[in-house]
N, C-alpha and C. Protein backbone atom coordinates (compact mmCIF):
# COMPACT_ATOMS: atom_id res chain seq x y z
N MET A 1 15.26 -23.35 -53.78
CA MET A 1 14.45 -22.16 -53.65
C MET A 1 13.10 -22.54 -53.05
N LYS A 2 12.52 -23.69 -53.45
CA LYS A 2 11.26 -24.05 -52.92
C LYS A 2 11.40 -24.47 -51.44
N GLY A 3 12.48 -25.05 -51.12
CA GLY A 3 12.72 -25.46 -49.80
C GLY A 3 12.93 -24.26 -48.82
N GLU A 4 13.63 -23.21 -49.31
CA GLU A 4 13.78 -21.98 -48.57
C GLU A 4 12.46 -21.34 -48.35
N MET A 5 11.61 -21.28 -49.25
CA MET A 5 10.29 -20.58 -49.11
C MET A 5 9.51 -21.38 -48.12
N GLN A 6 9.56 -22.72 -48.11
CA GLN A 6 8.77 -23.55 -47.15
C GLN A 6 9.26 -23.28 -45.75
N GLU A 7 10.58 -23.14 -45.57
CA GLU A 7 11.23 -22.82 -44.25
C GLU A 7 10.73 -21.48 -43.82
N ALA A 8 10.70 -20.53 -44.71
CA ALA A 8 10.33 -19.10 -44.35
C ALA A 8 8.85 -19.12 -43.84
N ILE A 9 7.96 -19.81 -44.64
CA ILE A 9 6.60 -19.87 -44.26
C ILE A 9 6.46 -20.58 -42.90
N LEU A 10 7.10 -21.66 -42.77
CA LEU A 10 7.03 -22.43 -41.46
C LEU A 10 7.49 -21.50 -40.26
N ALA A 11 8.61 -20.77 -40.48
CA ALA A 11 9.10 -19.91 -39.45
C ALA A 11 8.16 -18.75 -39.12
N LYS A 12 7.49 -18.24 -40.22
CA LYS A 12 6.52 -17.15 -39.97
C LYS A 12 5.28 -17.68 -39.28
N THR A 13 4.88 -18.91 -39.65
CA THR A 13 3.69 -19.52 -39.05
C THR A 13 3.97 -19.73 -37.44
N GLN A 14 5.12 -20.24 -37.18
CA GLN A 14 5.49 -20.52 -35.79
C GLN A 14 5.54 -19.14 -35.07
N ALA A 15 6.12 -18.10 -35.60
CA ALA A 15 6.24 -16.80 -34.97
C ALA A 15 4.89 -16.23 -34.59
N VAL A 16 3.92 -16.35 -35.58
CA VAL A 16 2.55 -15.87 -35.42
C VAL A 16 1.86 -16.66 -34.32
N ALA A 17 2.01 -17.97 -34.27
CA ALA A 17 1.42 -18.79 -33.23
C ALA A 17 1.95 -18.42 -31.84
N GLU A 18 3.29 -18.18 -31.72
CA GLU A 18 3.80 -17.73 -30.46
C GLU A 18 3.32 -16.32 -30.03
N GLU A 19 3.23 -15.50 -30.99
CA GLU A 19 2.65 -14.14 -30.74
C GLU A 19 1.18 -14.20 -30.22
N ARG A 20 0.35 -15.05 -30.88
CA ARG A 20 -0.98 -15.20 -30.44
C ARG A 20 -1.07 -15.71 -29.07
N GLU A 21 -0.17 -16.72 -28.70
CA GLU A 21 -0.12 -17.18 -27.33
C GLU A 21 0.20 -16.08 -26.29
N ILE A 22 1.17 -15.33 -26.63
CA ILE A 22 1.58 -14.21 -25.74
C ILE A 22 0.49 -13.22 -25.52
N ILE A 23 -0.26 -12.92 -26.62
CA ILE A 23 -1.33 -12.00 -26.61
C ILE A 23 -2.49 -12.54 -25.73
N ALA A 24 -2.78 -13.77 -25.97
CA ALA A 24 -3.85 -14.44 -25.17
C ALA A 24 -3.54 -14.44 -23.66
N GLN A 25 -2.33 -14.69 -23.36
CA GLN A 25 -1.95 -14.72 -21.94
C GLN A 25 -2.03 -13.29 -21.31
N ALA A 26 -1.54 -12.33 -22.10
CA ALA A 26 -1.62 -10.85 -21.57
C ALA A 26 -3.06 -10.44 -21.41
N ASN A 27 -3.91 -10.84 -22.31
CA ASN A 27 -5.34 -10.46 -22.26
C ASN A 27 -6.16 -11.18 -21.12
N ALA A 28 -5.52 -12.23 -20.66
CA ALA A 28 -6.20 -13.07 -19.61
C ALA A 28 -6.18 -12.35 -18.25
N THR A 29 -5.27 -11.48 -18.01
CA THR A 29 -5.08 -10.74 -16.82
C THR A 29 -5.69 -9.37 -16.97
N PRO A 30 -6.76 -9.05 -16.25
CA PRO A 30 -7.37 -7.73 -16.31
C PRO A 30 -6.47 -6.70 -15.76
N LEU A 31 -6.33 -5.61 -16.49
CA LEU A 31 -5.37 -4.53 -16.08
C LEU A 31 -3.99 -5.02 -15.60
N PRO A 32 -3.21 -5.65 -16.42
CA PRO A 32 -1.96 -6.22 -16.09
C PRO A 32 -0.84 -5.15 -15.79
N GLY A 33 0.02 -5.42 -14.88
CA GLY A 33 1.21 -4.68 -14.66
C GLY A 33 1.10 -3.17 -14.55
N ALA A 34 1.74 -2.40 -15.39
CA ALA A 34 1.78 -0.94 -15.28
C ALA A 34 0.35 -0.40 -15.42
N LEU A 35 -0.49 -0.95 -16.25
CA LEU A 35 -1.84 -0.46 -16.41
C LEU A 35 -2.61 -0.62 -15.09
N ARG A 36 -2.44 -1.73 -14.41
CA ARG A 36 -3.11 -1.95 -13.08
C ARG A 36 -2.66 -0.93 -12.14
N ASP A 37 -1.36 -0.61 -12.11
CA ASP A 37 -0.81 0.35 -11.18
C ASP A 37 -1.29 1.76 -11.50
N ALA A 38 -1.33 2.06 -12.79
CA ALA A 38 -1.78 3.44 -13.20
C ALA A 38 -3.16 3.72 -12.72
N PHE A 39 -4.00 2.75 -12.71
CA PHE A 39 -5.47 2.98 -12.39
C PHE A 39 -5.83 2.53 -10.92
N ALA A 40 -4.74 2.22 -10.20
CA ALA A 40 -5.03 1.93 -8.74
C ALA A 40 -5.42 3.17 -7.97
N ALA A 41 -6.44 3.02 -7.12
CA ALA A 41 -6.87 4.26 -6.47
C ALA A 41 -5.80 4.83 -5.58
N GLN A 42 -5.06 4.06 -4.89
CA GLN A 42 -3.87 4.48 -4.12
C GLN A 42 -2.69 3.64 -4.46
N GLN A 43 -1.57 4.27 -4.75
CA GLN A 43 -0.31 3.60 -5.12
C GLN A 43 0.54 3.30 -3.93
N ASP A 44 1.28 2.20 -4.08
CA ASP A 44 2.36 1.92 -3.16
C ASP A 44 3.44 3.00 -3.27
N ILE A 45 4.16 3.19 -2.23
CA ILE A 45 5.25 4.15 -2.23
C ILE A 45 6.56 3.31 -2.08
N LYS A 46 7.52 3.38 -2.93
CA LYS A 46 8.78 2.61 -2.98
C LYS A 46 9.75 3.38 -2.05
N VAL A 47 10.31 2.70 -1.07
CA VAL A 47 11.42 3.15 -0.16
C VAL A 47 12.45 2.09 -0.23
N GLY A 48 13.53 2.28 -0.94
CA GLY A 48 14.58 1.31 -1.03
C GLY A 48 14.03 -0.07 -1.54
N LYS A 49 14.24 -1.10 -0.74
CA LYS A 49 13.65 -2.42 -1.09
C LYS A 49 12.26 -2.64 -0.61
N TYR A 50 11.71 -1.63 0.02
CA TYR A 50 10.34 -1.80 0.68
C TYR A 50 9.31 -1.08 -0.18
N SER A 51 8.11 -1.53 -0.19
CA SER A 51 6.93 -0.92 -0.79
C SER A 51 5.98 -0.68 0.29
N VAL A 52 5.65 0.60 0.61
CA VAL A 52 4.73 0.96 1.60
C VAL A 52 3.32 1.05 1.02
N ARG A 53 2.48 0.11 1.40
CA ARG A 53 1.13 -0.06 0.81
C ARG A 53 0.20 1.00 1.41
N PRO A 54 -0.99 1.22 0.74
CA PRO A 54 -1.95 2.18 1.41
C PRO A 54 -2.57 1.61 2.71
N PHE A 55 -3.16 2.45 3.48
CA PHE A 55 -3.88 2.06 4.67
C PHE A 55 -5.16 1.38 4.31
N TYR A 56 -5.67 0.48 5.04
CA TYR A 56 -7.02 -0.08 4.94
C TYR A 56 -7.62 0.09 6.32
N ASP A 57 -8.98 0.04 6.36
CA ASP A 57 -9.67 0.21 7.59
C ASP A 57 -9.22 -0.80 8.68
N MET A 58 -8.96 -1.99 8.23
CA MET A 58 -8.46 -3.04 9.14
C MET A 58 -7.21 -2.68 9.86
N ASP A 59 -6.35 -1.89 9.21
CA ASP A 59 -5.09 -1.45 9.84
C ASP A 59 -5.25 -0.70 11.08
N PHE A 60 -6.30 0.09 11.14
CA PHE A 60 -6.59 0.90 12.34
C PHE A 60 -7.04 0.05 13.50
N GLU A 61 -7.76 -1.05 13.20
CA GLU A 61 -8.06 -2.02 14.23
C GLU A 61 -6.87 -2.67 14.80
N ILE A 62 -5.90 -3.00 13.96
CA ILE A 62 -4.63 -3.60 14.36
C ILE A 62 -3.85 -2.56 15.23
N LEU A 63 -3.79 -1.31 14.73
CA LEU A 63 -3.02 -0.26 15.45
C LEU A 63 -3.69 -0.03 16.80
N GLN A 64 -4.95 -0.15 16.98
CA GLN A 64 -5.65 -0.03 18.25
C GLN A 64 -5.25 -1.18 19.11
N MET A 65 -5.25 -2.36 18.59
CA MET A 65 -4.85 -3.52 19.36
C MET A 65 -3.42 -3.37 19.94
N LEU A 66 -2.61 -2.74 19.13
CA LEU A 66 -1.24 -2.57 19.53
C LEU A 66 -1.01 -1.33 20.40
N ASP A 67 -2.10 -0.57 20.69
CA ASP A 67 -2.11 0.65 21.36
C ASP A 67 -1.07 1.60 20.84
N HIS A 68 -1.07 1.76 19.48
CA HIS A 68 -0.18 2.50 18.67
C HIS A 68 -0.57 3.96 18.72
N PRO A 69 0.43 4.93 18.81
CA PRO A 69 0.18 6.29 18.74
C PRO A 69 -0.48 6.80 17.44
N LEU A 70 -0.34 6.16 16.34
CA LEU A 70 -0.93 6.48 15.07
C LEU A 70 -2.46 6.21 15.18
N ALA A 71 -2.83 5.28 15.92
CA ALA A 71 -4.28 4.93 16.11
C ALA A 71 -4.95 6.04 16.92
N LYS A 72 -4.15 6.55 17.93
CA LYS A 72 -4.65 7.68 18.75
C LYS A 72 -4.70 8.90 17.95
N MET A 73 -3.75 9.14 17.05
CA MET A 73 -3.84 10.38 16.14
C MET A 73 -5.05 10.31 15.23
N ALA A 74 -5.36 9.11 14.73
CA ALA A 74 -6.44 8.97 13.90
C ALA A 74 -7.80 9.33 14.61
N LEU A 75 -7.76 9.21 15.88
CA LEU A 75 -9.01 9.47 16.66
C LEU A 75 -8.93 10.86 17.23
N GLY A 76 -7.94 11.65 16.79
CA GLY A 76 -7.89 13.11 17.27
C GLY A 76 -6.94 13.34 18.34
N GLY A 77 -6.03 12.35 18.64
CA GLY A 77 -5.09 12.55 19.67
C GLY A 77 -3.77 13.24 19.25
N GLU A 78 -2.70 13.09 20.04
CA GLU A 78 -1.45 13.71 19.63
C GLU A 78 -0.95 13.30 18.33
N LYS A 79 -0.19 14.20 17.65
CA LYS A 79 0.30 13.97 16.36
C LYS A 79 1.42 12.96 16.45
N TYR A 80 1.49 12.01 15.51
CA TYR A 80 2.51 10.96 15.42
C TYR A 80 3.53 11.45 14.40
N GLY A 81 4.84 11.21 14.71
CA GLY A 81 5.86 11.50 13.77
C GLY A 81 6.56 12.76 14.09
N GLU A 82 6.17 13.56 15.09
CA GLU A 82 6.89 14.78 15.37
C GLU A 82 7.97 14.63 16.34
N ARG A 83 7.88 13.54 17.10
CA ARG A 83 8.95 13.23 18.13
C ARG A 83 9.79 12.07 17.70
N ILE A 84 11.02 12.11 18.01
CA ILE A 84 11.93 11.03 17.60
C ILE A 84 11.59 9.74 18.10
N GLN A 85 10.95 9.61 19.27
CA GLN A 85 10.58 8.33 19.85
C GLN A 85 9.44 7.74 19.03
N ASP A 86 8.73 8.45 18.24
CA ASP A 86 7.66 7.92 17.35
C ASP A 86 8.29 7.19 16.13
N LEU A 87 9.53 7.62 15.78
CA LEU A 87 10.06 7.15 14.52
C LEU A 87 11.11 6.11 14.75
N ARG A 88 11.31 5.60 15.95
CA ARG A 88 12.26 4.50 16.20
C ARG A 88 11.61 3.66 17.27
N GLY A 89 12.18 2.48 17.40
CA GLY A 89 11.69 1.55 18.52
C GLY A 89 10.43 0.81 18.02
N ILE A 90 9.76 0.14 19.02
CA ILE A 90 8.73 -0.77 18.67
C ILE A 90 7.65 -0.12 17.97
N ASN A 91 7.23 1.11 18.30
CA ASN A 91 6.17 1.77 17.53
C ASN A 91 6.47 1.93 16.12
N SER A 92 7.70 2.31 15.81
CA SER A 92 8.06 2.50 14.40
C SER A 92 8.18 1.07 13.68
N TRP A 93 8.72 0.12 14.40
CA TRP A 93 8.83 -1.14 13.82
C TRP A 93 7.51 -1.78 13.42
N THR A 94 6.54 -1.60 14.34
CA THR A 94 5.20 -2.28 14.08
C THR A 94 4.52 -1.69 12.86
N VAL A 95 4.55 -0.37 12.78
CA VAL A 95 3.81 0.27 11.69
C VAL A 95 4.59 0.03 10.39
N CYS A 96 5.89 0.01 10.46
CA CYS A 96 6.68 -0.30 9.24
C CYS A 96 6.41 -1.70 8.77
N PHE A 97 6.35 -2.64 9.68
CA PHE A 97 6.04 -4.06 9.35
C PHE A 97 4.61 -4.16 8.72
N MET A 98 3.74 -3.46 9.40
CA MET A 98 2.26 -3.56 8.96
C MET A 98 2.11 -3.00 7.50
N LEU A 99 2.70 -1.95 7.16
CA LEU A 99 2.47 -1.30 5.87
C LEU A 99 3.41 -1.76 4.82
N THR A 100 4.36 -2.63 5.09
CA THR A 100 5.22 -3.21 4.02
C THR A 100 4.88 -4.67 3.85
N HIS A 101 3.81 -5.16 4.43
CA HIS A 101 3.36 -6.51 4.14
C HIS A 101 1.96 -6.59 3.67
N ASP A 102 1.58 -7.56 2.91
CA ASP A 102 0.25 -7.76 2.47
C ASP A 102 -0.80 -7.69 3.58
N VAL A 103 -1.88 -7.11 3.36
CA VAL A 103 -2.93 -6.82 4.34
C VAL A 103 -3.45 -8.18 4.94
N ASP A 104 -3.58 -9.12 4.07
CA ASP A 104 -4.02 -10.46 4.51
C ASP A 104 -2.99 -11.12 5.49
N GLU A 105 -1.76 -11.04 5.10
CA GLU A 105 -0.71 -11.53 5.98
C GLU A 105 -0.70 -10.82 7.36
N VAL A 106 -0.81 -9.49 7.34
CA VAL A 106 -0.89 -8.68 8.51
C VAL A 106 -2.09 -9.07 9.39
N ASP A 107 -3.20 -9.28 8.74
CA ASP A 107 -4.47 -9.68 9.52
C ASP A 107 -4.21 -10.98 10.18
N GLU A 108 -3.65 -11.99 9.45
CA GLU A 108 -3.50 -13.31 9.96
C GLU A 108 -2.51 -13.22 11.26
N LEU A 109 -1.46 -12.49 11.08
CA LEU A 109 -0.43 -12.36 12.15
C LEU A 109 -1.10 -11.66 13.41
N SER A 110 -1.88 -10.63 13.11
CA SER A 110 -2.50 -9.90 14.24
C SER A 110 -3.42 -10.78 15.04
N GLN A 111 -4.00 -11.74 14.42
CA GLN A 111 -4.92 -12.68 15.09
C GLN A 111 -4.18 -13.55 16.14
N LYS A 112 -2.85 -13.55 16.07
CA LYS A 112 -2.01 -14.27 17.04
C LYS A 112 -1.67 -13.44 18.23
N GLY A 113 -2.09 -12.11 18.19
CA GLY A 113 -1.89 -11.23 19.34
C GLY A 113 -0.80 -10.22 19.10
N ALA A 114 -0.82 -9.22 20.01
CA ALA A 114 0.15 -8.11 19.91
C ALA A 114 1.59 -8.59 20.07
N GLU A 115 1.84 -9.50 20.93
CA GLU A 115 3.20 -9.97 21.12
C GLU A 115 3.82 -10.61 19.89
N ALA A 116 3.02 -11.46 19.29
CA ALA A 116 3.54 -12.06 18.07
C ALA A 116 3.81 -11.06 17.02
N PHE A 117 2.86 -10.09 16.77
CA PHE A 117 3.04 -9.11 15.83
C PHE A 117 4.37 -8.23 16.14
N GLN A 118 4.54 -7.86 17.35
CA GLN A 118 5.67 -7.10 17.73
C GLN A 118 6.95 -7.85 17.52
N ARG A 119 6.94 -9.14 17.77
CA ARG A 119 8.18 -10.02 17.59
C ARG A 119 8.49 -10.06 16.13
N ALA A 120 7.56 -10.15 15.24
CA ALA A 120 7.81 -10.18 13.77
C ALA A 120 8.32 -8.84 13.35
N ALA A 121 7.74 -7.73 13.83
CA ALA A 121 8.15 -6.47 13.47
C ALA A 121 9.65 -6.14 13.98
N ARG A 122 9.95 -6.55 15.20
CA ARG A 122 11.26 -6.40 15.71
C ARG A 122 12.31 -7.11 14.92
N LYS A 123 11.90 -8.40 14.56
CA LYS A 123 12.85 -9.21 13.78
C LYS A 123 13.20 -8.57 12.49
N GLU A 124 12.25 -7.96 11.77
CA GLU A 124 12.48 -7.45 10.50
C GLU A 124 13.06 -6.02 10.46
N PHE A 125 12.55 -5.18 11.41
CA PHE A 125 12.89 -3.72 11.36
C PHE A 125 13.78 -3.28 12.53
N GLY A 126 14.02 -4.16 13.44
CA GLY A 126 14.80 -3.69 14.64
C GLY A 126 16.28 -3.47 14.34
N ARG A 127 16.71 -3.98 13.21
CA ARG A 127 18.17 -3.87 12.86
C ARG A 127 18.40 -2.78 11.82
N LEU A 128 17.30 -2.04 11.48
CA LEU A 128 17.56 -0.87 10.52
C LEU A 128 18.08 0.33 11.26
N GLN A 129 18.81 1.08 10.53
CA GLN A 129 19.30 2.28 11.18
C GLN A 129 18.25 3.38 11.05
N LEU A 130 18.42 4.39 11.90
CA LEU A 130 17.37 5.44 12.02
C LEU A 130 17.06 6.08 10.68
N GLY A 131 17.98 6.32 9.78
CA GLY A 131 17.71 6.88 8.51
C GLY A 131 16.75 6.08 7.63
N GLY A 132 16.94 4.81 7.68
CA GLY A 132 15.99 3.92 7.01
C GLY A 132 14.59 3.89 7.58
N LEU A 133 14.54 3.92 8.90
CA LEU A 133 13.25 3.99 9.57
C LEU A 133 12.53 5.36 9.24
N LEU A 134 13.27 6.35 9.28
CA LEU A 134 12.75 7.76 9.01
C LEU A 134 12.15 7.80 7.53
N GLU A 135 12.82 7.24 6.61
CA GLU A 135 12.37 7.25 5.18
C GLU A 135 11.08 6.45 5.10
N ILE A 136 11.02 5.31 5.74
CA ILE A 136 9.84 4.39 5.68
C ILE A 136 8.67 5.13 6.39
N ASN A 137 8.97 5.75 7.54
CA ASN A 137 7.98 6.47 8.24
C ASN A 137 7.41 7.66 7.46
N LYS A 138 8.21 8.34 6.67
CA LYS A 138 7.72 9.41 5.81
C LYS A 138 6.68 8.89 4.91
N ALA A 139 6.99 7.76 4.28
CA ALA A 139 6.02 7.16 3.35
C ALA A 139 4.69 6.68 4.09
N ILE A 140 4.92 6.19 5.29
CA ILE A 140 3.73 5.80 6.06
C ILE A 140 2.84 6.95 6.39
N LEU A 141 3.40 8.04 6.70
CA LEU A 141 2.58 9.29 7.01
C LEU A 141 2.00 9.83 5.76
N GLU A 142 2.66 9.64 4.57
CA GLU A 142 2.03 10.10 3.36
C GLU A 142 0.79 9.22 3.04
N GLN A 143 0.93 7.86 3.26
CA GLN A 143 -0.19 6.98 3.06
C GLN A 143 -1.34 7.32 4.02
N PHE A 144 -0.98 7.66 5.27
CA PHE A 144 -1.99 8.01 6.25
C PHE A 144 -2.83 9.25 5.78
N GLY A 145 -2.10 10.24 5.28
CA GLY A 145 -2.68 11.45 4.75
C GLY A 145 -3.59 11.06 3.51
N ARG A 146 -3.08 10.26 2.68
CA ARG A 146 -3.92 9.81 1.55
C ARG A 146 -5.26 9.10 1.94
N TYR A 147 -5.07 8.32 2.97
CA TYR A 147 -6.27 7.55 3.39
C TYR A 147 -7.35 8.52 3.91
N PHE A 148 -6.96 9.53 4.64
CA PHE A 148 -7.97 10.46 5.20
C PHE A 148 -8.33 11.54 4.18
N SER A 149 -7.58 11.70 3.08
CA SER A 149 -7.97 12.73 2.11
C SER A 149 -9.12 12.32 1.26
N THR A 150 -9.47 10.97 1.34
CA THR A 150 -10.65 10.52 0.60
C THR A 150 -11.93 10.67 1.35
N VAL A 151 -11.83 11.17 2.55
CA VAL A 151 -13.09 11.38 3.33
C VAL A 151 -13.60 12.79 2.87
N VAL A 152 -14.93 12.75 2.54
CA VAL A 152 -15.64 13.90 2.06
C VAL A 152 -16.54 14.49 3.13
N GLY A 153 -16.35 15.76 3.49
CA GLY A 153 -17.22 16.34 4.54
C GLY A 153 -18.64 16.57 3.94
N LEU A 154 -19.63 15.98 4.50
CA LEU A 154 -21.01 16.14 4.00
C LEU A 154 -21.79 17.03 4.93
N GLU A 155 -21.87 18.28 4.66
CA GLU A 155 -22.64 19.20 5.43
C GLU A 155 -23.19 20.25 4.54
N ALA A 156 -24.38 20.79 4.98
CA ALA A 156 -25.09 21.81 4.22
C ALA A 156 -24.26 23.09 4.24
N VAL A 157 -24.30 23.78 3.06
CA VAL A 157 -23.58 25.05 3.00
C VAL A 157 -24.57 26.17 3.34
N ASP A 158 -24.21 27.07 4.20
CA ASP A 158 -25.05 28.14 4.73
C ASP A 158 -24.85 29.35 3.75
N ASN A 159 -25.98 29.88 3.27
CA ASN A 159 -25.96 31.08 2.37
C ASN A 159 -25.76 32.39 3.21
N GLY A 160 -25.74 32.34 4.53
CA GLY A 160 -25.62 33.49 5.36
C GLY A 160 -26.95 33.92 5.95
N ASP A 161 -27.96 33.35 5.38
CA ASP A 161 -29.28 33.77 5.92
C ASP A 161 -29.91 32.60 6.74
N GLY A 162 -29.14 31.57 7.02
CA GLY A 162 -29.59 30.55 7.90
C GLY A 162 -30.24 29.34 7.07
N ALA A 163 -30.47 29.64 5.85
CA ALA A 163 -31.16 28.55 4.97
C ALA A 163 -30.03 27.83 4.24
N PRO A 164 -30.10 26.52 4.06
CA PRO A 164 -29.16 25.72 3.36
C PRO A 164 -29.10 26.17 1.84
N LYS A 165 -27.90 26.14 1.30
CA LYS A 165 -27.86 26.53 -0.13
C LYS A 165 -28.44 25.41 -0.96
N LYS A 166 -29.18 25.81 -2.02
CA LYS A 166 -29.79 24.84 -2.86
C LYS A 166 -28.88 24.52 -4.06
N ALA A 167 -28.95 23.26 -4.41
CA ALA A 167 -28.08 22.82 -5.53
C ALA A 167 -28.62 23.30 -6.86
């Protein structure tokens, strides 16, 4: 009986020690896992095996380097995504590649030039069928909209008498 009790105490002590180790490891990561994702300003969008990340300012510099229609749309040009040629081919592949890879990886590759970037995009996305490209492009356009929805128009409100409204 005494031996059974010692074994039970030893087992409980070991379980508590393991639990404390797990808790310490979990607490070492600020906002781990689902909590981090829940409080992220902009979420990734899952499309099959791909995660379409949010746009960052750097992405528009890369799009301009690539002379991409989405960069032109961001500057007030023609709408991207309304014509089938926007959603397939090299323009589609490059933006799909860009937003399904880490921003630092994309930045590093873009520094090797437009040709290197397009080769990598073609290699990964050139063999997808149109349906897959369309779904990824939908998520890309959603992320594009989210990026610009954070812009706040700062202008005085007119009361109708020409004087700005007072807060």
